[in-house]
Amino acid sequence: MNKIRKGDKVIVLTGRDKGKQGVVTQRVDDSHLLIEGVNLVKKHVKPNPMKGTTGGIVEKAMPIHQSNVAIFNAATGKADRVGIKVNADGARVRVFKSNGAEIAA
């Protein structure tokens, strides 16, 4: 079970974007995430008349390692760790470590 999933609001802990918040848009692989507005780079793109794209410099979000982000707890307004808890019906749910509140999926 992934502790950070697509759609979660996260905060960056280290790197040049430290302190920025964003929503996870995609899990690239087991350990890398794409977060909107975080780790943006400028990419030079050639024009492609077959696809109808123009050339130039575009800003693109690059993957960031999941160890460099933490899930954002809106109740405390801070970054938090994620724990796994088993409900009475046997379902595994994610909870915040600080207050034990369930993370909405």
PDB file of N, CA and C in Angstrom:
ATOM      1  N   MET A   1       0.846  -1.180   0.000  1.00  0.00           N
ATOM      2  CA  MET A   1       0.000   0.000   0.000  1.00  0.00           C
ATOM      3  C   MET A   1       0.893   1.245   0.000  1.00  0.00           C
ATOM      4  N   ASN A   2       0.681   2.119  -0.983  1.00  0.00           N
ATOM      5  CA  ASN A   2       1.447   3.351  -1.055  1.00  0.00           C
ATOM      6  C   ASN A   2       0.943   4.337  -0.008  1.00  0.00           C
ATOM      7  N   LYS A   3       1.861   4.932   0.724  1.00  0.00           N
ATOM      8  CA  LYS A   3       1.472   5.886   1.753  1.00  0.00           C
ATOM      9  C   LYS A   3       1.119   7.238   1.146  1.00  0.00           C
ATOM     10  N   ILE A   4       1.704   7.562  -0.007  1.00  0.00           N
ATOM     11  CA  ILE A   4       1.345   8.788  -0.718  1.00  0.00           C
ATOM     12  C   ILE A   4       0.752   8.380  -2.057  1.00  0.00           C
ATOM     13  N   ARG A   5      -0.449   8.865  -2.324  1.00  0.00           N
ATOM     14  CA  ARG A   5      -1.172   8.468  -3.529  1.00  0.00           C
ATOM     15  C   ARG A   5      -1.502   9.675  -4.400  1.00  0.00           C
ATOM     16  N   LYS A   6      -1.989   9.376  -5.603  1.00  0.00           N
ATOM     17  CA  LYS A   6      -2.433  10.411  -6.529  1.00  0.00           C
ATOM     18  C   LYS A   6      -3.602  11.176  -5.892  1.00  0.00           C
ATOM     19  N   GLY A   7      -3.536  12.500  -5.956  1.00  0.00           N
ATOM     20  CA  GLY A   7      -4.597  13.329  -5.387  1.00  0.00           C
ATOM     21  C   GLY A   7      -4.313  13.828  -3.980  1.00  0.00           C
ATOM     22  N   ASP A   8      -3.269  13.321  -3.328  1.00  0.00           N
ATOM     23  CA  ASP A   8      -2.905  13.766  -1.983  1.00  0.00           C
ATOM     24  C   ASP A   8      -2.225  15.127  -2.043  1.00  0.00           C
ATOM     25  N   LYS A   9      -2.492  15.954  -1.047  1.00  0.00           N
ATOM     26  CA  LYS A   9      -1.795  17.242  -0.925  1.00  0.00           C
ATOM     27  C   LYS A   9      -0.531  16.997  -0.113  1.00  0.00           C
ATOM     28  N   VAL A  10       0.605  17.392  -0.688  1.00  0.00           N
ATOM     29  CA  VAL A  10       1.897  17.144  -0.047  1.00  0.00           C
ATOM     30  C   VAL A  10       2.672  18.445   0.089  1.00  0.00           C
ATOM     31  N   ILE A  11       3.702  18.412   0.944  1.00  0.00           N
ATOM     32  CA  ILE A  11       4.600  19.542   1.140  1.00  0.00           C
ATOM     33  C   ILE A  11       6.018  19.039   0.938  1.00  0.00           C
ATOM     34  N   VAL A  12       6.856  19.834   0.266  1.00  0.00           N
ATOM     35  CA  VAL A  12       8.224  19.435  -0.039  1.00  0.00           C
ATOM     36  C   VAL A  12       9.104  19.709   1.184  1.00  0.00           C
ATOM     37  N   LEU A  13       9.901  18.708   1.584  1.00  0.00           N
ATOM     38  CA  LEU A  13      10.732  18.808   2.779  1.00  0.00           C
ATOM     39  C   LEU A  13      12.148  19.286   2.481  1.00  0.00           C
ATOM     40  N   THR A  14      12.703  18.907   1.328  1.00  0.00           N
ATOM     41  CA  THR A  14      14.085  19.252   1.006  1.00  0.00           C
ATOM     42  C   THR A  14      14.207  19.693  -0.442  1.00  0.00           C
ATOM     43  N   GLY A  15      15.332  20.328  -0.751  1.00  0.00           N
ATOM     44  CA  GLY A  15      15.611  20.726  -2.122  1.00  0.00           C
ATOM     45  C   GLY A  15      15.296  22.187  -2.361  1.00  0.00           C
ATOM     46  N   ARG A  16      15.389  22.601  -3.612  1.00  0.00           N
ATOM     47  CA  ARG A  16      15.201  24.014  -3.943  1.00  0.00           C
ATOM     48  C   ARG A  16      13.754  24.455  -3.789  1.00  0.00           C
ATOM     49  N   ASP A  17      12.809  23.517  -3.798  1.00  0.00           N
ATOM     50  CA  ASP A  17      11.387  23.836  -3.651  1.00  0.00           C
ATOM     51  C   ASP A  17      10.882  23.583  -2.238  1.00  0.00           C
ATOM     52  N   LYS A  18      11.782  23.591  -1.253  1.00  0.00           N
ATOM     53  CA  LYS A  18      11.424  23.306   0.135  1.00  0.00           C
ATOM     54  C   LYS A  18      10.323  24.255   0.613  1.00  0.00           C
ATOM     55  N   GLY A  19       9.279  23.685   1.203  1.00  0.00           N
ATOM     56  CA  GLY A  19       8.171  24.471   1.723  1.00  0.00           C
ATOM     57  C   GLY A  19       6.999  24.616   0.774  1.00  0.00           C
ATOM     58  N   LYS A  20       7.192  24.307  -0.500  1.00  0.00           N
ATOM     59  CA  LYS A  20       6.101  24.417  -1.468  1.00  0.00           C
ATOM     60  C   LYS A  20       5.098  23.287  -1.257  1.00  0.00           C
ATOM     61  N   GLN A  21       3.833  23.593  -1.541  1.00  0.00           N
ATOM     62  CA  GLN A  21       2.774  22.598  -1.443  1.00  0.00           C
ATOM     63  C   GLN A  21       2.192  22.352  -2.824  1.00  0.00           C
ATOM     64  N   GLY A  22       1.699  21.157  -3.023  1.00  0.00           N
ATOM     65  CA  GLY A  22       1.078  20.818  -4.294  1.00  0.00           C
ATOM     66  C   GLY A  22       0.319  19.510  -4.185  1.00  0.00           C
ATOM     67  N   VAL A  23      -0.381  19.186  -5.239  1.00  0.00           N
ATOM     68  CA  VAL A  23      -1.171  17.953  -5.299  1.00  0.00           C
ATOM     69  C   VAL A  23      -0.454  16.963  -6.196  1.00  0.00           C
ATOM     70  N   VAL A  24      -0.399  15.709  -5.772  1.00  0.00           N
ATOM     71  CA  VAL A  24       0.243  14.662  -6.554  1.00  0.00           C
ATOM     72  C   VAL A  24      -0.628  14.393  -7.779  1.00  0.00           C
ATOM     73  N   THR A  25      -0.045  14.575  -8.969  1.00  0.00           N
ATOM     74  CA  THR A  25      -0.799  14.360 -10.201  1.00  0.00           C
ATOM     75  C   THR A  25      -0.576  12.966 -10.770  1.00  0.00           C
ATOM     76  N   GLN A  26       0.590  12.363 -10.451  1.00  0.00           N
ATOM     77  CA  GLN A  26       0.898  11.050 -11.019  1.00  0.00           C
ATOM     78  C   GLN A  26       2.005  10.389 -10.221  1.00  0.00           C
ATOM     79  N   ARG A  27       1.947   9.065 -10.121  1.00  0.00           N
ATOM     80  CA  ARG A  27       3.059   8.271  -9.591  1.00  0.00           C
ATOM     81  C   ARG A  27       3.815   7.743 -10.800  1.00  0.00           C
ATOM     82  N   VAL A  28       5.054   8.204 -10.991  1.00  0.00           N
ATOM     83  CA  VAL A  28       5.844   7.809 -12.158  1.00  0.00           C
ATOM     84  C   VAL A  28       6.283   6.358 -12.022  1.00  0.00           C
ATOM     85  N   ASP A  29       6.805   5.995 -10.854  1.00  0.00           N
ATOM     86  CA  ASP A  29       7.139   4.606 -10.554  1.00  0.00           C
ATOM     87  C   ASP A  29       6.945   4.404  -9.055  1.00  0.00           C
ATOM     88  N   ASP A  30       7.562   3.359  -8.499  1.00  0.00           N
ATOM     89  CA  ASP A  30       7.345   3.050  -7.083  1.00  0.00           C
ATOM     90  C   ASP A  30       7.811   4.159  -6.144  1.00  0.00           C
ATOM     91  N   SER A  31       8.808   4.944  -6.569  1.00  0.00           N
ATOM     92  CA  SER A  31       9.382   5.901  -5.635  1.00  0.00           C
ATOM     93  C   SER A  31       9.389   7.350  -6.118  1.00  0.00           C
ATOM     94  N   HIS A  32       8.853   7.646  -7.295  1.00  0.00           N
ATOM     95  CA  HIS A  32       8.878   9.008  -7.815  1.00  0.00           C
ATOM     96  C   HIS A  32       7.457   9.515  -8.074  1.00  0.00           C
ATOM     97  N   LEU A  33       7.254  10.824  -7.787  1.00  0.00           N
ATOM     98  CA  LEU A  33       5.943  11.452  -7.926  1.00  0.00           C
ATOM     99  C   LEU A  33       6.037  12.687  -8.805  1.00  0.00           C
ATOM    100  N   LEU A  34       4.953  13.003  -9.492  1.00  0.00           N
ATOM    101  CA  LEU A  34       4.816  14.281 -10.188  1.00  0.00           C
ATOM    102  C   LEU A  34       3.867  15.129  -9.360  1.00  0.00           C
ATOM    103  N   ILE A  35       4.327  16.338  -8.998  1.00  0.00           N
ATOM    104  CA  ILE A  35       3.535  17.227  -8.165  1.00  0.00           C
ATOM    105  C   ILE A  35       3.361  18.534  -8.917  1.00  0.00           C
ATOM    106  N   GLU A  36       2.120  19.023  -8.983  1.00  0.00           N
ATOM    107  CA  GLU A  36       1.873  20.237  -9.758  1.00  0.00           C
ATOM    108  C   GLU A  36       2.519  21.445  -9.087  1.00  0.00           C
ATOM    109  N   GLY A  37       3.258  22.220  -9.883  1.00  0.00           N
ATOM    110  CA  GLY A  37       3.904  23.432  -9.404  1.00  0.00           C
ATOM    111  C   GLY A  37       5.211  23.221  -8.668  1.00  0.00           C
ATOM    112  N   VAL A  38       5.705  21.985  -8.613  1.00  0.00           N
ATOM    113  CA  VAL A  38       6.934  21.670  -7.886  1.00  0.00           C
ATOM    114  C   VAL A  38       7.935  21.041  -8.841  1.00  0.00           C
ATOM    115  N   ASN A  39       9.217  21.384  -8.677  1.00  0.00           N
ATOM    116  CA  ASN A  39      10.316  20.850  -9.481  1.00  0.00           C
ATOM    117  C   ASN A  39      10.111  21.151 -10.967  1.00  0.00           C
ATOM    118  N   LEU A  40       9.818  22.418 -11.257  1.00  0.00           N
ATOM    119  CA  LEU A  40       9.608  22.843 -12.636  1.00  0.00           C
ATOM    120  C   LEU A  40      10.948  23.123 -13.307  1.00  0.00           C
ATOM    121  N   VAL A  41      11.094  22.678 -14.551  1.00  0.00           N
ATOM    122  CA  VAL A  41      12.298  22.934 -15.338  1.00  0.00           C
ATOM    123  C   VAL A  41      11.871  23.526 -16.672  1.00  0.00           C
ATOM    124  N   LYS A  42      12.792  24.247 -17.301  1.00  0.00           N
ATOM    125  CA  LYS A  42      12.538  24.801 -18.628  1.00  0.00           C
ATOM    126  C   LYS A  42      13.084  23.825 -19.655  1.00  0.00           C
ATOM    127  N   LYS A  43      12.236  23.434 -20.609  1.00  0.00           N
ATOM    128  CA  LYS A  43      12.614  22.458 -21.611  1.00  0.00           C
ATOM    129  C   LYS A  43      12.500  23.096 -22.983  1.00  0.00           C
ATOM    130  N   HIS A  44      13.537  22.934 -23.790  1.00  0.00           N
ATOM    131  CA  HIS A  44      13.526  23.443 -25.159  1.00  0.00           C
ATOM    132  C   HIS A  44      12.853  22.407 -26.056  1.00  0.00           C
ATOM    133  N   VAL A  45      11.823  22.834 -26.779  1.00  0.00           N
ATOM    134  CA  VAL A  45      11.023  21.919 -27.589  1.00  0.00           C
ATOM    135  C   VAL A  45      11.106  22.336 -29.051  1.00  0.00           C
ATOM    136  N   LYS A  46      11.370  21.363 -29.908  1.00  0.00           N
ATOM    137  CA  LYS A  46      11.397  21.623 -31.343  1.00  0.00           C
ATOM    138  C   LYS A  46       9.962  21.686 -31.863  1.00  0.00           C
ATOM    139  N   PRO A  47       9.727  22.487 -32.895  1.00  0.00           N
ATOM    140  CA  PRO A  47       8.388  22.485 -33.484  1.00  0.00           C
ATOM    141  C   PRO A  47       8.142  21.197 -34.261  1.00  0.00           C
ATOM    142  N   ASN A  48       6.911  20.738 -34.226  1.00  0.00           N
ATOM    143  CA  ASN A  48       6.530  19.524 -34.947  1.00  0.00           C
ATOM    144  C   ASN A  48       5.271  19.838 -35.752  1.00  0.00           C
ATOM    145  N   PRO A  49       5.425  20.128 -37.058  1.00  0.00           N
ATOM    146  CA  PRO A  49       4.248  20.487 -37.855  1.00  0.00           C
ATOM    147  C   PRO A  49       3.269  19.326 -38.040  1.00  0.00           C
ATOM    148  N   MET A  50       3.760  18.088 -37.916  1.00  0.00           N
ATOM    149  CA  MET A  50       2.861  16.938 -38.061  1.00  0.00           C
ATOM    150  C   MET A  50       1.861  16.878 -36.907  1.00  0.00           C
ATOM    151  N   LYS A  51       2.307  17.253 -35.717  1.00  0.00           N
ATOM    152  CA  LYS A  51       1.419  17.254 -34.550  1.00  0.00           C
ATOM    153  C   LYS A  51       0.793  18.623 -34.311  1.00  0.00           C
ATOM    154  N   GLY A  52       1.268  19.626 -35.017  1.00  0.00           N
ATOM    155  CA  GLY A  52       0.728  20.969 -34.859  1.00  0.00           C
ATOM    156  C   GLY A  52       1.246  21.701 -33.634  1.00  0.00           C
ATOM    157  N   THR A  53       2.431  21.302 -33.129  1.00  0.00           N
ATOM    158  CA  THR A  53       2.992  21.967 -31.959  1.00  0.00           C
ATOM    159  C   THR A  53       4.030  22.995 -32.398  1.00  0.00           C
ATOM    160  N   THR A  54       4.060  24.097 -31.662  1.00  0.00           N
ATOM    161  CA  THR A  54       5.062  25.116 -31.944  1.00  0.00           C
ATOM    162  C   THR A  54       6.269  24.892 -31.052  1.00  0.00           C
ATOM    163  N   GLY A  55       7.406  25.352 -31.500  1.00  0.00           N
ATOM    164  CA  GLY A  55       8.627  25.199 -30.724  1.00  0.00           C
ATOM    165  C   GLY A  55       8.762  26.311 -29.701  1.00  0.00           C
ATOM    166  N   GLY A  56       9.778  26.185 -28.860  1.00  0.00           N
ATOM    167  CA  GLY A  56      10.039  27.220 -27.869  1.00  0.00           C
ATOM    168  C   GLY A  56      10.481  26.613 -26.558  1.00  0.00           C
ATOM    169  N   ILE A  57      10.405  27.424 -25.523  1.00  0.00           N
ATOM    170  CA  ILE A  57      10.799  26.985 -24.190  1.00  0.00           C
ATOM    171  C   ILE A  57       9.535  26.819 -23.353  1.00  0.00           C
ATOM    172  N   VAL A  58       9.332  25.617 -22.829  1.00  0.00           N
ATOM    173  CA  VAL A  58       8.150  25.339 -22.008  1.00  0.00           C
ATOM    174  C   VAL A  58       8.589  24.923 -20.613  1.00  0.00           C
ATOM    175  N   GLU A  59       7.746  25.210 -19.626  1.00  0.00           N
ATOM    176  CA  GLU A  59       8.010  24.756 -18.262  1.00  0.00           C
ATOM    177  C   GLU A  59       7.322  23.416 -18.066  1.00  0.00           C
ATOM    178  N   LYS A  60       8.061  22.493 -17.489  1.00  0.00           N
ATOM    179  CA  LYS A  60       7.572  21.129 -17.333  1.00  0.00           C
ATOM    180  C   LYS A  60       7.870  20.657 -15.917  1.00  0.00           C
ATOM    181  N   ALA A  61       6.933  19.954 -15.291  1.00  0.00           N
ATOM    182  CA  ALA A  61       7.148  19.395 -13.953  1.00  0.00           C
ATOM    183  C   ALA A  61       7.906  18.080 -14.096  1.00  0.00           C
ATOM    184  N   MET A  62       8.971  17.933 -13.325  1.00  0.00           N
ATOM    185  CA  MET A  62       9.773  16.710 -13.341  1.00  0.00           C
ATOM    186  C   MET A  62       9.497  15.909 -12.075  1.00  0.00           C
ATOM    187  N   PRO A  63       9.756  14.603 -12.110  1.00  0.00           N
ATOM    188  CA  PRO A  63       9.489  13.765 -10.937  1.00  0.00           C
ATOM    189  C   PRO A  63      10.381  14.130  -9.756  1.00  0.00           C
ATOM    190  N   ILE A  64       9.854  13.901  -8.558  1.00  0.00           N
ATOM    191  CA  ILE A  64      10.584  14.127  -7.318  1.00  0.00           C
ATOM    192  C   ILE A  64      10.456  12.860  -6.482  1.00  0.00           C
ATOM    193  N   HIS A  65      11.498  12.520  -5.737  1.00  0.00           N
ATOM    194  CA  HIS A  65      11.492  11.292  -4.942  1.00  0.00           C
ATOM    195  C   HIS A  65      10.531  11.438  -3.776  1.00  0.00           C
ATOM    196  N   GLN A  66       9.806  10.364  -3.462  1.00  0.00           N
ATOM    197  CA  GLN A  66       8.785  10.433  -2.421  1.00  0.00           C
ATOM    198  C   GLN A  66       9.358  10.648  -1.023  1.00  0.00           C
ATOM    199  N   SER A  67      10.656  10.376  -0.840  1.00  0.00           N
ATOM    200  CA  SER A  67      11.262  10.612   0.467  1.00  0.00           C
ATOM    201  C   SER A  67      11.463  12.100   0.734  1.00  0.00           C
ATOM    202  N   ASN A  68      11.376  12.927  -0.298  1.00  0.00           N
ATOM    203  CA  ASN A  68      11.561  14.367  -0.151  1.00  0.00           C
ATOM    204  C   ASN A  68      10.252  15.113   0.064  1.00  0.00           C
ATOM    205  N   VAL A  69       9.134  14.402   0.152  1.00  0.00           N
ATOM    206  CA  VAL A  69       7.848  15.037   0.410  1.00  0.00           C
ATOM    207  C   VAL A  69       7.159  14.343   1.579  1.00  0.00           C
ATOM    208  N   ALA A  70       6.232  15.066   2.211  1.00  0.00           N
ATOM    209  CA  ALA A  70       5.409  14.503   3.275  1.00  0.00           C
ATOM    210  C   ALA A  70       3.977  14.941   3.039  1.00  0.00           C
ATOM    211  N   ILE A  71       3.041  14.133   3.486  1.00  0.00           N
ATOM    212  CA  ILE A  71       1.635  14.458   3.308  1.00  0.00           C
ATOM    213  C   ILE A  71       1.287  15.640   4.199  1.00  0.00           C
ATOM    214  N   PHE A  72       0.402  16.523   3.711  1.00  0.00           N
ATOM    215  CA  PHE A  72       0.028  17.737   4.432  1.00  0.00           C
ATOM    216  C   PHE A  72      -1.217  17.473   5.254  1.00  0.00           C
ATOM    217  N   ASN A  73      -1.132  17.764   6.564  1.00  0.00           N
ATOM    218  CA  ASN A  73      -2.264  17.593   7.471  1.00  0.00           C
ATOM    219  C   ASN A  73      -2.939  18.951   7.629  1.00  0.00           C
ATOM    220  N   ALA A  74      -4.149  19.087   7.106  1.00  0.00           N
ATOM    221  CA  ALA A  74      -4.854  20.362   7.141  1.00  0.00           C
ATOM    222  C   ALA A  74      -5.276  20.735   8.560  1.00  0.00           C
ATOM    223  N   ALA A  75      -5.489  19.751   9.424  1.00  0.00           N
ATOM    224  CA  ALA A  75      -5.907  20.030  10.795  1.00  0.00           C
ATOM    225  C   ALA A  75      -4.807  20.740  11.584  1.00  0.00           C
ATOM    226  N   THR A  76      -3.558  20.323  11.381  1.00  0.00           N
ATOM    227  CA  THR A  76      -2.444  20.940  12.105  1.00  0.00           C
ATOM    228  C   THR A  76      -1.743  22.005  11.282  1.00  0.00           C
ATOM    229  N   GLY A  77      -1.914  21.965   9.953  1.00  0.00           N
ATOM    230  CA  GLY A  77      -1.254  22.923   9.084  1.00  0.00           C
ATOM    231  C   GLY A  77       0.212  22.603   8.859  1.00  0.00           C
ATOM    232  N   LYS A  78       0.616  21.371   9.122  1.00  0.00           N
ATOM    233  CA  LYS A  78       2.013  20.963   8.997  1.00  0.00           C
ATOM    234  C   LYS A  78       2.113  19.663   8.212  1.00  0.00           C
ATOM    235  N   ALA A  79       3.370  19.293   7.911  1.00  0.00           N
ATOM    236  CA  ALA A  79       3.639  18.001   7.287  1.00  0.00           C
ATOM    237  C   ALA A  79       3.436  16.912   8.326  1.00  0.00           C
ATOM    238  N   ASP A  80       3.068  15.732   7.883  1.00  0.00           N
ATOM    239  CA  ASP A  80       2.799  14.634   8.802  1.00  0.00           C
ATOM    240  C   ASP A  80       3.235  13.321   8.182  1.00  0.00           C
ATOM    241  N   ARG A  81       3.422  12.328   9.054  1.00  0.00           N
ATOM    242  CA  ARG A  81       3.742  10.986   8.587  1.00  0.00           C
ATOM    243  C   ARG A  81       2.458  10.182   8.454  1.00  0.00           C
ATOM    244  N   VAL A  82       2.535   9.097   7.696  1.00  0.00           N
ATOM    245  CA  VAL A  82       1.366   8.278   7.413  1.00  0.00           C
ATOM    246  C   VAL A  82       1.544   6.909   8.054  1.00  0.00           C
ATOM    247  N   GLY A  83       0.491   6.438   8.699  1.00  0.00           N
ATOM    248  CA  GLY A  83       0.480   5.097   9.269  1.00  0.00           C
ATOM    249  C   GLY A  83      -0.661   4.294   8.669  1.00  0.00           C
ATOM    250  N   ILE A  84      -0.578   2.990   8.805  1.00  0.00           N
ATOM    251  CA  ILE A  84      -1.612   2.095   8.298  1.00  0.00           C
ATOM    252  C   ILE A  84      -2.335   1.480   9.498  1.00  0.00           C
ATOM    253  N   LYS A  85      -3.674   1.509   9.443  1.00  0.00           N
ATOM    254  CA  LYS A  85      -4.475   0.983  10.540  1.00  0.00           C
ATOM    255  C   LYS A  85      -5.507   0.031   9.954  1.00  0.00           C
ATOM    256  N   VAL A  86      -5.822  -1.036  10.671  1.00  0.00           N
ATOM    257  CA  VAL A  86      -6.817  -2.001  10.211  1.00  0.00           C
ATOM    258  C   VAL A  86      -8.136  -1.714  10.925  1.00  0.00           C
ATOM    259  N   ASN A  87      -9.188  -1.513  10.147  1.00  0.00           N
ATOM    260  CA  ASN A  87     -10.518  -1.259  10.707  1.00  0.00           C
ATOM    261  C   ASN A  87     -11.109  -2.531  11.302  1.00  0.00           C
ATOM    262  N   ALA A  88     -12.270  -2.393  11.919  1.00  0.00           N
ATOM    263  CA  ALA A  88     -12.968  -3.544  12.489  1.00  0.00           C
ATOM    264  C   ALA A  88     -13.414  -4.517  11.405  1.00  0.00           C
ATOM    265  N   ASP A  89     -13.722  -3.999  10.211  1.00  0.00           N
ATOM    266  CA  ASP A  89     -14.152  -4.875   9.120  1.00  0.00           C
ATOM    267  C   ASP A  89     -12.989  -5.465   8.335  1.00  0.00           C
ATOM    268  N   GLY A  90     -11.747  -5.177   8.768  1.00  0.00           N
ATOM    269  CA  GLY A  90     -10.565  -5.768   8.142  1.00  0.00           C
ATOM    270  C   GLY A  90      -9.956  -4.945   7.035  1.00  0.00           C
ATOM    271  N   ALA A  91     -10.518  -3.780   6.735  1.00  0.00           N
ATOM    272  CA  ALA A  91      -9.972  -2.927   5.682  1.00  0.00           C
ATOM    273  C   ALA A  91      -8.807  -2.114   6.232  1.00  0.00           C
ATOM    274  N   ARG A  92      -7.765  -1.975   5.399  1.00  0.00           N
ATOM    275  CA  ARG A  92      -6.600  -1.173   5.793  1.00  0.00           C
ATOM    276  C   ARG A  92      -6.819   0.265   5.352  1.00  0.00           C
ATOM    277  N   VAL A  93      -6.634   1.202   6.267  1.00  0.00           N
ATOM    278  CA  VAL A  93      -6.809   2.621   5.950  1.00  0.00           C
ATOM    279  C   VAL A  93      -5.562   3.387   6.366  1.00  0.00           C
ATOM    280  N   ARG A  94      -5.338   4.527   5.706  1.00  0.00           N
ATOM    281  CA  ARG A  94      -4.206   5.386   6.052  1.00  0.00           C
ATOM    282  C   ARG A  94      -4.644   6.391   7.108  1.00  0.00           C
ATOM    283  N   VAL A  95      -3.779   6.634   8.089  1.00  0.00           N
ATOM    284  CA  VAL A  95      -4.065   7.578   9.141  1.00  0.00           C
ATOM    285  C   VAL A  95      -2.865   8.497   9.349  1.00  0.00           C
ATOM    286  N   PHE A  96      -3.126   9.705   9.874  1.00  0.00           N
ATOM    287  CA  PHE A  96      -2.042  10.596  10.255  1.00  0.00           C
ATOM    288  C   PHE A  96      -1.431  10.104  11.553  1.00  0.00           C
ATOM    289  N   LYS A  97      -0.102  10.120  11.650  1.00  0.00           N
ATOM    290  CA  LYS A  97       0.585   9.650  12.854  1.00  0.00           C
ATOM    291  C   LYS A  97       0.363  10.598  14.030  1.00  0.00           C
ATOM    292  N   SER A  98       0.235  11.907  13.766  1.00  0.00           N
ATOM    293  CA  SER A  98       0.170  12.877  14.860  1.00  0.00           C
ATOM    294  C   SER A  98      -1.127  12.801  15.652  1.00  0.00           C
ATOM    295  N   ASN A  99      -2.266  12.702  14.936  1.00  0.00           N
ATOM    296  CA  ASN A  99      -3.532  12.708  15.649  1.00  0.00           C
ATOM    297  C   ASN A  99      -4.392  11.470  15.398  1.00  0.00           C
ATOM    298  N   GLY A 100      -3.957  10.566  14.543  1.00  0.00           N
ATOM    299  CA  GLY A 100      -4.697   9.328  14.282  1.00  0.00           C
ATOM    300  C   GLY A 100      -5.921   9.496  13.415  1.00  0.00           C
ATOM    301  N   ALA A 101      -6.117  10.677  12.841  1.00  0.00           N
ATOM    302  CA  ALA A 101      -7.273  10.904  11.977  1.00  0.00           C
ATOM    303  C   ALA A 101      -7.077  10.172  10.647  1.00  0.00           C
ATOM    304  N   GLU A 102      -8.183   9.694  10.116  1.00  0.00           N
ATOM    305  CA  GLU A 102      -8.150   8.946   8.861  1.00  0.00           C
ATOM    306  C   GLU A 102      -7.936   9.912   7.689  1.00  0.00           C
ATOM    307  N   ILE A 103      -7.135   9.495   6.720  1.00  0.00           N
ATOM    308  CA  ILE A 103      -6.879  10.302   5.534  1.00  0.00           C
ATOM    309  C   ILE A 103      -7.964   9.995   4.501  1.00  0.00           C
ATOM    310  N   ALA A 104      -8.638  11.030   4.040  1.00  0.00           N
ATOM    311  CA  ALA A 104      -9.702  10.849   3.051  1.00  0.00           C
ATOM    312  C   ALA A 104      -9.088  10.429   1.724  1.00  0.00           C
ATOM    313  N   ALA A 105      -9.623   9.378   1.137  1.00  0.00           N
ATOM    314  CA  ALA A 105      -9.051   8.839  -0.109  1.00  0.00           C
ATOM    315  C   ALA A 105      -9.704   9.405  -1.314  1.00  0.00           C
TER     316      ALA A 105
END
